[in-house]
């Protein structure tokens, strides 16, 4: 791991992902979580203030980056829900089948290298009747924006920890073995190539 990845990138990700429009999206989806929650890519813990402690039994926070887990410590200390870190990637989830009542994934599907493998793991550990709750940026509906996404993707991914601007989020979720129950979309204010947002819920197919 180089100097940028270890010392600079975690702070950049934390800053970008804590911007007001993204925080507003978190407020929409995180309170839907209930029971035993597996959060994929808990990062610096930006979702923690929005969990409803009356509904959530515990949170498993999957996060491979030690640096991001360190940044999250203060939010974990202040959180009203119990949080257990899992220092692994989305492709390897060390939970038993049907362990989780809810899976929450926010601004993470863009970075997982083997995203369909990860979704298969999420499906495995999610209980029948459980929900996948998501809020993600991805492929824009407008051709001119998509062209910019394609142009920028190589350098964006290099400096953004592997983040891909143009992943087709609904299709990926469905190819990963889920059926989308509801979905909303919009451009968030700001940089359009990174600003088309999908959010909603899905169930195992």
N, C-alpha and C. Protein backbone atom coordinates (compact mmCIF):
# COMPACT_ATOMS: atom_id res chain seq x y z
N UNK A 1 0.85 -1.19 0.00
CA UNK A 1 0.00 0.00 0.00
C UNK A 1 0.88 1.24 0.00
N UNK A 2 0.66 2.16 -0.95
CA UNK A 2 1.47 3.35 -1.06
C UNK A 2 1.05 4.45 -0.10
N UNK A 3 1.85 5.52 -0.08
CA UNK A 3 1.58 6.64 0.83
C UNK A 3 0.21 7.24 0.58
N UNK A 4 -0.15 7.44 -0.71
CA UNK A 4 -1.45 8.05 -1.03
C UNK A 4 -2.58 7.18 -0.53
N UNK A 5 -2.54 5.88 -0.84
CA UNK A 5 -3.62 4.97 -0.45
C UNK A 5 -3.76 4.87 1.06
N UNK A 6 -2.63 4.93 1.77
CA UNK A 6 -2.67 4.72 3.21
C UNK A 6 -3.04 5.99 3.98
N UNK A 7 -2.49 7.14 3.57
CA UNK A 7 -2.62 8.34 4.38
C UNK A 7 -3.54 9.42 3.80
N UNK A 8 -3.64 9.49 2.48
CA UNK A 8 -4.42 10.56 1.84
C UNK A 8 -5.82 10.09 1.44
N UNK A 9 -5.89 8.94 0.77
CA UNK A 9 -7.17 8.46 0.23
C UNK A 9 -8.26 8.32 1.29
N UNK A 10 -8.00 7.73 2.47
CA UNK A 10 -9.09 7.63 3.46
C UNK A 10 -9.68 8.98 3.84
N UNK A 11 -8.84 10.01 3.94
CA UNK A 11 -9.35 11.35 4.28
C UNK A 11 -10.14 11.94 3.12
N UNK A 12 -9.69 11.69 1.90
CA UNK A 12 -10.42 12.17 0.72
C UNK A 12 -11.80 11.52 0.66
N UNK A 13 -11.85 10.19 0.83
CA UNK A 13 -13.12 9.48 0.78
C UNK A 13 -14.06 9.98 1.88
N UNK A 14 -13.51 10.15 3.07
CA UNK A 14 -14.34 10.64 4.18
C UNK A 14 -14.93 12.01 3.85
N UNK A 15 -14.10 12.89 3.30
CA UNK A 15 -14.57 14.25 2.97
C UNK A 15 -15.64 14.22 1.88
N UNK A 16 -15.38 13.49 0.80
CA UNK A 16 -16.33 13.42 -0.31
C UNK A 16 -17.65 12.82 0.14
N UNK A 17 -17.57 11.75 0.91
CA UNK A 17 -18.78 11.02 1.30
C UNK A 17 -19.54 11.69 2.44
N UNK A 18 -18.99 12.75 3.01
CA UNK A 18 -19.70 13.49 4.06
C UNK A 18 -20.29 14.79 3.57
N UNK A 19 -20.29 15.00 2.24
CA UNK A 19 -20.89 16.21 1.70
C UNK A 19 -22.41 16.20 1.93
N UNK A 20 -23.00 17.39 1.98
CA UNK A 20 -24.40 17.53 2.37
C UNK A 20 -25.37 16.72 1.51
N UNK A 21 -25.27 16.76 0.16
CA UNK A 21 -26.24 15.97 -0.63
C UNK A 21 -26.16 14.47 -0.34
N UNK A 22 -24.96 13.96 -0.12
CA UNK A 22 -24.80 12.53 0.17
C UNK A 22 -25.34 12.22 1.56
N UNK A 23 -25.09 13.10 2.50
CA UNK A 23 -25.61 12.92 3.86
C UNK A 23 -27.14 12.90 3.84
N UNK A 24 -27.74 13.74 3.02
CA UNK A 24 -29.21 13.75 2.91
C UNK A 24 -29.72 12.40 2.41
N UNK A 25 -29.01 11.78 1.47
CA UNK A 25 -29.40 10.46 0.97
C UNK A 25 -29.28 9.41 2.07
N UNK A 26 -28.24 9.51 2.87
CA UNK A 26 -28.09 8.58 3.98
C UNK A 26 -29.28 8.66 4.93
N UNK A 27 -29.72 9.88 5.19
CA UNK A 27 -30.86 10.07 6.10
C UNK A 27 -32.13 9.42 5.56
N UNK A 28 -32.24 9.25 4.25
CA UNK A 28 -33.41 8.61 3.66
C UNK A 28 -33.42 7.11 3.87
N UNK A 29 -32.24 6.46 3.76
CA UNK A 29 -32.23 5.00 3.69
C UNK A 29 -31.81 4.31 4.99
N UNK A 30 -30.89 4.89 5.73
CA UNK A 30 -30.36 4.19 6.90
C UNK A 30 -31.43 3.88 7.94
N UNK A 31 -32.38 4.79 8.22
CA UNK A 31 -33.40 4.48 9.23
C UNK A 31 -34.30 3.30 8.87
N UNK A 32 -34.25 2.82 7.62
CA UNK A 32 -35.05 1.66 7.22
C UNK A 32 -34.47 0.35 7.78
N UNK A 33 -33.21 0.37 8.17
CA UNK A 33 -32.55 -0.85 8.63
C UNK A 33 -33.14 -1.32 9.96
N UNK A 34 -33.18 -2.66 10.13
CA UNK A 34 -33.72 -3.21 11.37
C UNK A 34 -33.07 -4.55 11.68
N UNK A 35 -33.19 -4.96 12.95
CA UNK A 35 -32.66 -6.24 13.38
C UNK A 35 -31.14 -6.26 13.39
N UNK A 36 -30.59 -7.37 12.91
CA UNK A 36 -29.14 -7.53 12.81
C UNK A 36 -28.73 -7.07 11.42
N UNK A 37 -27.93 -6.01 11.39
CA UNK A 37 -27.63 -5.31 10.14
C UNK A 37 -26.18 -5.57 9.74
N UNK A 38 -25.99 -5.94 8.50
CA UNK A 38 -24.65 -6.02 7.91
C UNK A 38 -24.48 -4.81 7.01
N UNK A 39 -23.57 -3.91 7.40
CA UNK A 39 -23.28 -2.75 6.55
C UNK A 39 -22.03 -3.04 5.73
N UNK A 40 -22.18 -3.03 4.42
CA UNK A 40 -21.07 -3.31 3.51
C UNK A 40 -20.33 -2.01 3.24
N UNK A 41 -19.04 -1.96 3.60
CA UNK A 41 -18.28 -0.74 3.40
C UNK A 41 -18.67 0.35 4.38
N UNK A 42 -18.56 0.05 5.67
CA UNK A 42 -18.97 1.02 6.69
C UNK A 42 -18.06 2.25 6.67
N UNK A 43 -16.87 2.11 6.10
CA UNK A 43 -15.99 3.26 5.91
C UNK A 43 -15.69 3.99 7.20
N UNK A 44 -15.89 5.31 7.18
CA UNK A 44 -15.60 6.14 8.35
C UNK A 44 -16.80 6.29 9.27
N UNK A 45 -17.81 5.45 9.08
CA UNK A 45 -18.95 5.42 10.00
C UNK A 45 -19.99 6.50 9.78
N UNK A 46 -20.06 7.03 8.56
CA UNK A 46 -20.96 8.16 8.30
C UNK A 46 -22.44 7.79 8.41
N UNK A 47 -22.77 6.50 8.31
CA UNK A 47 -24.18 6.09 8.46
C UNK A 47 -24.61 5.95 9.92
N UNK A 48 -23.67 5.81 10.82
CA UNK A 48 -24.01 5.45 12.20
C UNK A 48 -24.98 6.40 12.88
N UNK A 49 -24.91 7.71 12.70
CA UNK A 49 -25.86 8.59 13.40
C UNK A 49 -27.31 8.41 12.96
N UNK A 50 -27.54 7.72 11.83
CA UNK A 50 -28.89 7.65 11.28
C UNK A 50 -29.60 6.32 11.52
N UNK A 51 -28.92 5.36 12.18
CA UNK A 51 -29.59 4.12 12.56
C UNK A 51 -30.60 4.43 13.67
N UNK A 52 -31.72 3.73 13.62
CA UNK A 52 -32.74 3.85 14.66
C UNK A 52 -32.45 2.81 15.73
N UNK A 53 -31.96 3.21 16.92
CA UNK A 53 -31.58 2.23 17.95
C UNK A 53 -32.76 1.42 18.46
N UNK A 54 -33.97 1.91 18.25
CA UNK A 54 -35.14 1.14 18.68
C UNK A 54 -35.42 -0.04 17.75
N UNK A 55 -34.85 0.00 16.55
CA UNK A 55 -35.12 -1.04 15.55
C UNK A 55 -33.92 -1.95 15.30
N UNK A 56 -32.72 -1.48 15.65
CA UNK A 56 -31.49 -2.18 15.28
C UNK A 56 -30.90 -2.90 16.49
N UNK A 57 -30.68 -4.20 16.34
CA UNK A 57 -30.09 -5.00 17.42
C UNK A 57 -28.58 -4.84 17.47
N UNK A 58 -27.94 -4.91 16.30
CA UNK A 58 -26.49 -4.75 16.21
C UNK A 58 -26.14 -4.46 14.76
N UNK A 59 -24.94 -3.93 14.55
CA UNK A 59 -24.44 -3.67 13.20
C UNK A 59 -23.09 -4.36 13.05
N UNK A 60 -22.98 -5.20 12.02
CA UNK A 60 -21.67 -5.68 11.60
C UNK A 60 -21.16 -4.71 10.54
N UNK A 61 -20.03 -4.09 10.78
CA UNK A 61 -19.49 -3.13 9.83
C UNK A 61 -18.34 -3.72 9.04
N UNK A 62 -18.62 -4.09 7.80
CA UNK A 62 -17.59 -4.69 6.95
C UNK A 62 -16.75 -3.58 6.33
N UNK A 63 -15.44 -3.59 6.57
CA UNK A 63 -14.57 -2.54 6.05
C UNK A 63 -13.12 -3.06 6.01
N UNK A 64 -12.57 -3.23 4.81
CA UNK A 64 -11.22 -3.78 4.72
C UNK A 64 -10.11 -2.80 5.09
N UNK A 65 -10.38 -1.50 5.05
CA UNK A 65 -9.34 -0.50 5.28
C UNK A 65 -9.19 -0.19 6.77
N UNK A 66 -8.01 -0.49 7.30
CA UNK A 66 -7.73 -0.19 8.70
C UNK A 66 -7.80 1.31 8.95
N UNK A 67 -7.34 2.11 7.97
CA UNK A 67 -7.35 3.55 8.13
C UNK A 67 -8.78 4.09 8.24
N UNK A 68 -9.70 3.56 7.43
CA UNK A 68 -11.09 3.98 7.51
C UNK A 68 -11.71 3.56 8.83
N UNK A 69 -11.37 2.37 9.29
CA UNK A 69 -11.89 1.91 10.58
C UNK A 69 -11.40 2.81 11.71
N UNK A 70 -10.17 3.27 11.61
CA UNK A 70 -9.65 4.19 12.63
C UNK A 70 -10.42 5.51 12.64
N UNK A 71 -10.73 6.03 11.46
CA UNK A 71 -11.49 7.28 11.38
C UNK A 71 -12.88 7.09 11.99
N UNK A 72 -13.43 5.89 11.85
CA UNK A 72 -14.80 5.62 12.33
C UNK A 72 -14.90 5.50 13.84
N UNK A 73 -13.79 5.39 14.54
CA UNK A 73 -13.85 5.07 15.97
C UNK A 73 -14.67 6.07 16.78
N UNK A 74 -14.54 7.36 16.49
CA UNK A 74 -15.28 8.35 17.27
C UNK A 74 -16.78 8.17 17.08
N UNK A 75 -17.21 7.91 15.84
CA UNK A 75 -18.64 7.72 15.60
C UNK A 75 -19.15 6.45 16.26
N UNK A 76 -18.31 5.43 16.33
CA UNK A 76 -18.70 4.21 17.02
C UNK A 76 -18.85 4.48 18.52
N UNK A 77 -17.93 5.26 19.07
CA UNK A 77 -17.99 5.61 20.49
C UNK A 77 -19.27 6.37 20.79
N UNK A 78 -19.69 7.25 19.88
CA UNK A 78 -20.89 8.07 20.10
C UNK A 78 -22.18 7.37 19.69
N UNK A 79 -22.07 6.22 19.01
CA UNK A 79 -23.26 5.57 18.45
C UNK A 79 -24.13 4.94 19.53
N UNK A 80 -25.43 4.94 19.27
CA UNK A 80 -26.38 4.29 20.17
C UNK A 80 -26.65 2.84 19.78
N UNK A 81 -25.99 2.35 18.73
CA UNK A 81 -26.13 0.95 18.33
C UNK A 81 -24.79 0.24 18.52
N UNK A 82 -24.85 -1.06 18.76
CA UNK A 82 -23.65 -1.87 18.91
C UNK A 82 -23.05 -2.14 17.55
N UNK A 83 -21.76 -1.87 17.41
CA UNK A 83 -21.06 -2.04 16.13
C UNK A 83 -19.88 -2.98 16.31
N UNK A 84 -19.81 -4.00 15.46
CA UNK A 84 -18.66 -4.91 15.42
C UNK A 84 -18.01 -4.82 14.05
N UNK A 85 -16.73 -4.47 14.02
CA UNK A 85 -16.01 -4.39 12.75
C UNK A 85 -15.67 -5.78 12.22
N UNK A 86 -15.74 -5.89 10.88
CA UNK A 86 -15.21 -7.05 10.18
C UNK A 86 -14.22 -6.50 9.16
N UNK A 87 -12.94 -6.80 9.35
CA UNK A 87 -11.91 -6.20 8.52
C UNK A 87 -11.65 -6.96 7.24
N UNK A 88 -12.71 -7.21 6.49
CA UNK A 88 -12.61 -7.95 5.23
C UNK A 88 -13.37 -7.21 4.14
N UNK A 89 -13.22 -7.68 2.91
CA UNK A 89 -13.92 -7.06 1.77
C UNK A 89 -15.28 -7.70 1.56
N UNK A 90 -16.07 -7.12 0.68
CA UNK A 90 -17.41 -7.61 0.40
C UNK A 90 -17.44 -8.99 -0.22
N UNK A 91 -16.33 -9.39 -0.83
CA UNK A 91 -16.30 -10.70 -1.47
C UNK A 91 -16.13 -11.84 -0.47
N UNK A 92 -15.79 -11.51 0.78
CA UNK A 92 -15.60 -12.55 1.80
C UNK A 92 -16.27 -12.10 3.10
N UNK A 93 -17.49 -12.58 3.31
CA UNK A 93 -18.29 -12.19 4.47
C UNK A 93 -18.32 -13.37 5.44
N UNK A 94 -17.69 -13.24 6.61
CA UNK A 94 -17.57 -14.38 7.53
C UNK A 94 -18.78 -14.55 8.44
N UNK A 95 -19.97 -14.50 7.86
CA UNK A 95 -21.20 -14.75 8.61
C UNK A 95 -21.83 -16.02 8.09
N UNK A 96 -22.69 -16.60 8.92
CA UNK A 96 -23.39 -17.81 8.51
C UNK A 96 -24.56 -17.46 7.59
N UNK A 97 -25.04 -18.46 6.91
CA UNK A 97 -26.21 -18.28 6.05
C UNK A 97 -27.39 -17.78 6.88
N UNK A 98 -28.10 -16.78 6.35
CA UNK A 98 -29.31 -16.22 6.97
C UNK A 98 -29.03 -15.50 8.30
N UNK A 99 -27.81 -15.01 8.51
CA UNK A 99 -27.47 -14.33 9.76
C UNK A 99 -28.07 -12.92 9.87
N UNK A 100 -28.19 -12.22 8.74
CA UNK A 100 -28.54 -10.80 8.77
C UNK A 100 -30.01 -10.57 8.43
N UNK A 101 -30.65 -9.67 9.16
CA UNK A 101 -32.02 -9.25 8.84
C UNK A 101 -32.03 -8.17 7.76
N UNK A 102 -30.99 -7.36 7.74
CA UNK A 102 -30.89 -6.25 6.78
C UNK A 102 -29.45 -6.16 6.30
N UNK A 103 -29.29 -5.86 5.03
CA UNK A 103 -27.98 -5.49 4.51
C UNK A 103 -28.07 -4.06 3.99
N UNK A 104 -27.14 -3.23 4.43
CA UNK A 104 -27.10 -1.83 4.01
C UNK A 104 -25.83 -1.60 3.21
N UNK A 105 -25.97 -1.00 2.03
CA UNK A 105 -24.81 -0.68 1.21
C UNK A 105 -25.00 0.71 0.63
N UNK A 106 -24.08 1.62 0.99
CA UNK A 106 -24.17 3.00 0.53
C UNK A 106 -22.83 3.43 -0.05
N UNK A 107 -22.83 3.79 -1.32
CA UNK A 107 -21.65 4.32 -2.01
C UNK A 107 -20.46 3.37 -1.88
N UNK A 108 -20.76 2.08 -2.12
CA UNK A 108 -19.75 1.04 -1.98
C UNK A 108 -19.72 0.11 -3.19
N UNK A 109 -20.87 -0.15 -3.82
CA UNK A 109 -20.90 -1.04 -4.98
C UNK A 109 -20.04 -0.52 -6.12
N UNK A 110 -19.74 0.77 -6.12
CA UNK A 110 -18.91 1.37 -7.16
C UNK A 110 -17.45 0.94 -7.04
N UNK A 111 -17.03 0.46 -5.87
CA UNK A 111 -15.60 0.19 -5.64
C UNK A 111 -15.26 -1.28 -5.51
N UNK A 112 -16.22 -2.15 -5.26
CA UNK A 112 -15.90 -3.57 -5.03
C UNK A 112 -15.45 -4.20 -6.34
N UNK A 113 -14.25 -4.75 -6.41
CA UNK A 113 -13.76 -5.30 -7.68
C UNK A 113 -14.66 -6.41 -8.24
N UNK A 114 -14.94 -7.43 -7.43
CA UNK A 114 -15.79 -8.55 -7.87
C UNK A 114 -17.19 -8.34 -7.28
N UNK A 115 -17.90 -7.38 -7.85
CA UNK A 115 -19.15 -6.93 -7.23
C UNK A 115 -20.22 -8.01 -7.25
N UNK A 116 -20.27 -8.84 -8.28
CA UNK A 116 -21.29 -9.89 -8.32
C UNK A 116 -20.99 -10.99 -7.29
N UNK A 117 -19.72 -11.27 -7.07
CA UNK A 117 -19.34 -12.20 -6.00
C UNK A 117 -19.80 -11.66 -4.65
N UNK A 118 -19.57 -10.37 -4.44
CA UNK A 118 -19.97 -9.74 -3.18
C UNK A 118 -21.49 -9.79 -2.99
N UNK A 119 -22.23 -9.52 -4.04
CA UNK A 119 -23.69 -9.56 -3.94
C UNK A 119 -24.17 -10.99 -3.68
N UNK A 120 -23.48 -11.97 -4.25
CA UNK A 120 -23.82 -13.36 -3.95
C UNK A 120 -23.61 -13.68 -2.47
N UNK A 121 -22.55 -13.14 -1.88
CA UNK A 121 -22.31 -13.31 -0.46
C UNK A 121 -23.39 -12.60 0.38
N UNK A 122 -23.77 -11.41 -0.05
CA UNK A 122 -24.84 -10.70 0.66
C UNK A 122 -26.13 -11.51 0.62
N UNK A 123 -26.44 -12.07 -0.51
CA UNK A 123 -27.66 -12.88 -0.64
C UNK A 123 -27.59 -14.10 0.26
N UNK A 124 -26.41 -14.69 0.37
CA UNK A 124 -26.24 -15.89 1.20
C UNK A 124 -26.53 -15.59 2.67
N UNK A 125 -26.03 -14.47 3.18
CA UNK A 125 -26.14 -14.20 4.62
C UNK A 125 -27.44 -13.50 5.00
N UNK A 126 -28.22 -13.05 4.01
CA UNK A 126 -29.47 -12.35 4.29
C UNK A 126 -30.60 -13.36 4.53
N UNK A 127 -31.35 -13.14 5.60
CA UNK A 127 -32.47 -14.03 5.93
C UNK A 127 -33.56 -13.95 4.87
N UNK A 128 -34.32 -15.04 4.68
CA UNK A 128 -35.52 -14.94 3.85
C UNK A 128 -36.45 -13.87 4.40
N UNK A 129 -36.93 -13.01 3.55
CA UNK A 129 -37.76 -11.90 4.00
C UNK A 129 -36.96 -10.66 4.38
N UNK A 130 -35.62 -10.79 4.44
CA UNK A 130 -34.78 -9.64 4.74
C UNK A 130 -34.64 -8.72 3.54
N UNK A 131 -34.10 -7.54 3.77
CA UNK A 131 -33.99 -6.54 2.70
C UNK A 131 -32.54 -6.08 2.52
N UNK A 132 -32.21 -5.82 1.27
CA UNK A 132 -31.01 -5.09 0.90
C UNK A 132 -31.43 -3.64 0.68
N UNK A 133 -30.84 -2.74 1.46
CA UNK A 133 -31.12 -1.31 1.34
C UNK A 133 -29.90 -0.66 0.70
N UNK A 134 -30.13 0.14 -0.32
CA UNK A 134 -28.98 0.69 -1.06
C UNK A 134 -29.17 2.16 -1.39
N UNK A 135 -28.05 2.85 -1.47
CA UNK A 135 -27.97 4.19 -2.05
C UNK A 135 -26.61 4.28 -2.71
N UNK A 136 -26.60 4.44 -4.02
CA UNK A 136 -25.36 4.35 -4.80
C UNK A 136 -25.37 5.36 -5.94
N UNK A 137 -24.18 5.79 -6.33
CA UNK A 137 -24.08 6.57 -7.58
C UNK A 137 -23.71 5.62 -8.70
N UNK A 138 -24.01 6.00 -9.93
CA UNK A 138 -23.70 5.10 -11.03
C UNK A 138 -24.02 5.69 -12.38
N UNK A 139 -24.26 4.80 -13.33
CA UNK A 139 -24.47 5.17 -14.74
C UNK A 139 -25.58 6.20 -14.88
N UNK A 140 -25.27 7.29 -15.56
CA UNK A 140 -26.24 8.37 -15.76
C UNK A 140 -27.15 8.06 -16.93
N UNK A 141 -28.37 8.60 -16.93
CA UNK A 141 -29.30 8.34 -18.03
C UNK A 141 -29.04 9.19 -19.27
N UNK A 142 -28.27 10.26 -19.14
CA UNK A 142 -28.04 11.18 -20.25
C UNK A 142 -26.74 10.84 -20.97
N UNK A 143 -26.82 10.77 -22.30
CA UNK A 143 -25.69 10.30 -23.08
C UNK A 143 -24.45 11.17 -22.90
N UNK A 144 -24.64 12.49 -22.86
CA UNK A 144 -23.46 13.37 -22.73
C UNK A 144 -22.77 13.17 -21.38
N UNK A 145 -23.55 12.92 -20.32
CA UNK A 145 -22.95 12.66 -19.00
C UNK A 145 -22.25 11.30 -19.01
N UNK A 146 -22.88 10.31 -19.64
CA UNK A 146 -22.25 8.97 -19.72
C UNK A 146 -20.91 9.03 -20.44
N UNK A 147 -20.83 9.86 -21.49
CA UNK A 147 -19.56 9.98 -22.21
C UNK A 147 -18.47 10.53 -21.29
N UNK A 148 -18.82 11.51 -20.47
CA UNK A 148 -17.85 12.04 -19.52
C UNK A 148 -17.48 11.01 -18.46
N UNK A 149 -18.46 10.21 -18.05
CA UNK A 149 -18.15 9.13 -17.10
C UNK A 149 -17.12 8.18 -17.68
N UNK A 150 -17.29 7.81 -18.94
CA UNK A 150 -16.36 6.90 -19.59
C UNK A 150 -14.97 7.51 -19.72
N UNK A 151 -14.92 8.79 -20.07
CA UNK A 151 -13.62 9.47 -20.22
C UNK A 151 -12.88 9.55 -18.89
N UNK A 152 -13.62 9.87 -17.84
CA UNK A 152 -13.00 10.13 -16.55
C UNK A 152 -12.72 8.88 -15.73
N UNK A 153 -13.37 7.77 -16.08
CA UNK A 153 -13.31 6.58 -15.24
C UNK A 153 -11.89 6.11 -14.90
N UNK A 154 -10.97 6.05 -15.87
CA UNK A 154 -9.63 5.54 -15.52
C UNK A 154 -8.92 6.37 -14.46
N UNK A 155 -8.91 7.68 -14.63
CA UNK A 155 -8.21 8.52 -13.65
C UNK A 155 -9.00 8.63 -12.36
N UNK A 156 -10.34 8.64 -12.45
CA UNK A 156 -11.19 8.69 -11.25
C UNK A 156 -10.96 7.45 -10.39
N UNK A 157 -10.91 6.29 -11.05
CA UNK A 157 -10.68 5.05 -10.31
C UNK A 157 -9.31 5.01 -9.67
N UNK A 158 -8.32 5.56 -10.37
CA UNK A 158 -6.95 5.54 -9.83
C UNK A 158 -6.85 6.36 -8.55
N UNK A 159 -7.43 7.55 -8.57
CA UNK A 159 -7.33 8.43 -7.40
C UNK A 159 -8.46 8.20 -6.39
N UNK A 160 -9.49 7.46 -6.79
CA UNK A 160 -10.65 7.27 -5.92
C UNK A 160 -10.78 5.89 -5.32
N UNK A 161 -9.66 5.18 -5.21
CA UNK A 161 -9.70 3.88 -4.55
C UNK A 161 -10.47 2.82 -5.33
N UNK A 162 -10.45 2.93 -6.66
CA UNK A 162 -11.14 1.96 -7.50
C UNK A 162 -12.58 2.30 -7.81
N UNK A 163 -13.05 3.46 -7.37
CA UNK A 163 -14.43 3.87 -7.63
C UNK A 163 -14.70 3.98 -9.13
N UNK A 164 -15.80 3.38 -9.58
CA UNK A 164 -16.23 3.44 -10.97
C UNK A 164 -17.44 4.36 -11.08
N UNK A 165 -17.37 5.30 -12.01
CA UNK A 165 -18.43 6.30 -12.14
C UNK A 165 -19.70 5.74 -12.78
N UNK A 166 -19.59 4.72 -13.61
CA UNK A 166 -20.70 4.38 -14.50
C UNK A 166 -21.22 2.95 -14.33
N UNK A 167 -21.14 2.42 -13.16
CA UNK A 167 -21.71 1.08 -12.98
C UNK A 167 -23.24 1.15 -13.04
N UNK A 168 -23.86 0.22 -13.78
CA UNK A 168 -25.33 0.20 -13.90
C UNK A 168 -25.93 -0.47 -12.67
N UNK A 169 -26.16 0.29 -11.65
CA UNK A 169 -26.48 -0.25 -10.32
C UNK A 169 -27.71 -1.17 -10.33
N UNK A 170 -28.85 -0.79 -10.89
CA UNK A 170 -29.99 -1.72 -10.85
C UNK A 170 -29.69 -3.07 -11.50
N UNK A 171 -29.02 -3.03 -12.65
CA UNK A 171 -28.71 -4.28 -13.35
C UNK A 171 -27.77 -5.14 -12.52
N UNK A 172 -26.78 -4.51 -11.90
CA UNK A 172 -25.82 -5.26 -11.08
C UNK A 172 -26.53 -5.92 -9.90
N UNK A 173 -27.41 -5.18 -9.23
CA UNK A 173 -28.13 -5.74 -8.09
C UNK A 173 -28.96 -6.95 -8.52
N UNK A 174 -29.63 -6.83 -9.66
CA UNK A 174 -30.46 -7.94 -10.14
C UNK A 174 -29.60 -9.12 -10.60
N UNK A 175 -28.48 -8.85 -11.26
CA UNK A 175 -27.59 -9.94 -11.67
C UNK A 175 -26.96 -10.63 -10.46
N UNK A 176 -26.90 -9.92 -9.33
CA UNK A 176 -26.36 -10.50 -8.11
C UNK A 176 -27.35 -11.35 -7.35
N UNK A 177 -28.57 -11.50 -7.87
CA UNK A 177 -29.54 -12.41 -7.26
C UNK A 177 -30.62 -11.74 -6.45
N UNK A 178 -30.84 -10.45 -6.68
CA UNK A 178 -31.87 -9.72 -5.94
C UNK A 178 -32.96 -9.20 -6.89
N UNK A 179 -34.13 -9.00 -6.32
CA UNK A 179 -35.24 -8.37 -7.03
C UNK A 179 -35.49 -7.01 -6.39
N UNK A 180 -35.45 -5.96 -7.18
CA UNK A 180 -35.64 -4.62 -6.65
C UNK A 180 -37.12 -4.39 -6.34
N UNK A 181 -37.40 -4.01 -5.10
CA UNK A 181 -38.78 -3.72 -4.69
C UNK A 181 -39.17 -2.30 -5.04
N UNK A 182 -38.30 -1.37 -4.76
CA UNK A 182 -38.57 0.03 -5.12
C UNK A 182 -37.25 0.73 -5.35
N UNK A 183 -37.29 1.74 -6.21
CA UNK A 183 -36.08 2.47 -6.54
C UNK A 183 -36.45 3.90 -6.96
N UNK A 184 -35.63 4.83 -6.54
CA UNK A 184 -35.75 6.22 -6.96
C UNK A 184 -34.40 6.66 -7.52
N UNK A 185 -34.44 7.66 -8.37
CA UNK A 185 -33.20 8.16 -8.97
C UNK A 185 -33.26 9.68 -9.08
N UNK A 186 -32.07 10.28 -9.07
CA UNK A 186 -31.97 11.72 -9.32
C UNK A 186 -30.49 12.09 -9.41
N UNK A 187 -30.23 13.24 -10.02
CA UNK A 187 -28.90 13.83 -9.94
C UNK A 187 -28.79 14.59 -8.63
N UNK A 188 -27.76 14.28 -7.85
CA UNK A 188 -27.47 15.08 -6.68
C UNK A 188 -26.80 16.39 -7.12
N UNK A 189 -26.96 17.45 -6.36
CA UNK A 189 -26.28 18.71 -6.71
C UNK A 189 -24.77 18.50 -6.76
N UNK A 190 -24.14 19.16 -7.73
CA UNK A 190 -22.70 19.07 -7.83
C UNK A 190 -22.22 18.48 -9.14
N UNK A 191 -21.17 17.68 -9.08
CA UNK A 191 -20.46 17.16 -10.25
C UNK A 191 -21.28 16.04 -10.89
N UNK A 192 -21.86 16.30 -12.06
CA UNK A 192 -22.82 15.36 -12.64
C UNK A 192 -22.26 13.98 -12.95
N UNK A 193 -21.05 13.83 -13.47
CA UNK A 193 -20.56 12.47 -13.74
C UNK A 193 -20.51 11.57 -12.51
N UNK A 194 -20.41 12.16 -11.32
CA UNK A 194 -20.40 11.36 -10.10
C UNK A 194 -21.69 11.51 -9.30
N UNK A 195 -22.69 12.17 -9.90
CA UNK A 195 -23.84 12.58 -9.11
C UNK A 195 -25.16 11.91 -9.38
N UNK A 196 -25.20 10.92 -10.32
CA UNK A 196 -26.50 10.28 -10.54
C UNK A 196 -26.69 9.20 -9.49
N UNK A 197 -27.76 9.32 -8.71
CA UNK A 197 -27.96 8.50 -7.52
C UNK A 197 -29.16 7.57 -7.69
N UNK A 198 -28.95 6.33 -7.25
CA UNK A 198 -30.01 5.31 -7.18
C UNK A 198 -30.19 4.95 -5.71
N UNK A 199 -31.43 4.89 -5.23
CA UNK A 199 -31.64 4.41 -3.86
C UNK A 199 -32.96 3.66 -3.78
N UNK A 200 -32.99 2.66 -2.88
CA UNK A 200 -34.20 1.87 -2.73
C UNK A 200 -33.94 0.61 -1.93
N UNK A 201 -34.78 -0.41 -2.18
CA UNK A 201 -34.66 -1.68 -1.46
C UNK A 201 -34.81 -2.84 -2.44
N UNK A 202 -34.24 -3.97 -2.05
CA UNK A 202 -34.32 -5.18 -2.87
C UNK A 202 -34.41 -6.38 -1.94
N UNK A 203 -34.89 -7.50 -2.48
CA UNK A 203 -35.02 -8.75 -1.72
C UNK A 203 -34.37 -9.87 -2.52
N UNK A 204 -33.94 -10.93 -1.85
CA UNK A 204 -33.36 -12.07 -2.56
C UNK A 204 -34.35 -12.63 -3.59
N UNK A 205 -33.82 -12.93 -4.75
CA UNK A 205 -34.68 -13.42 -5.83
C UNK A 205 -34.80 -14.94 -5.79
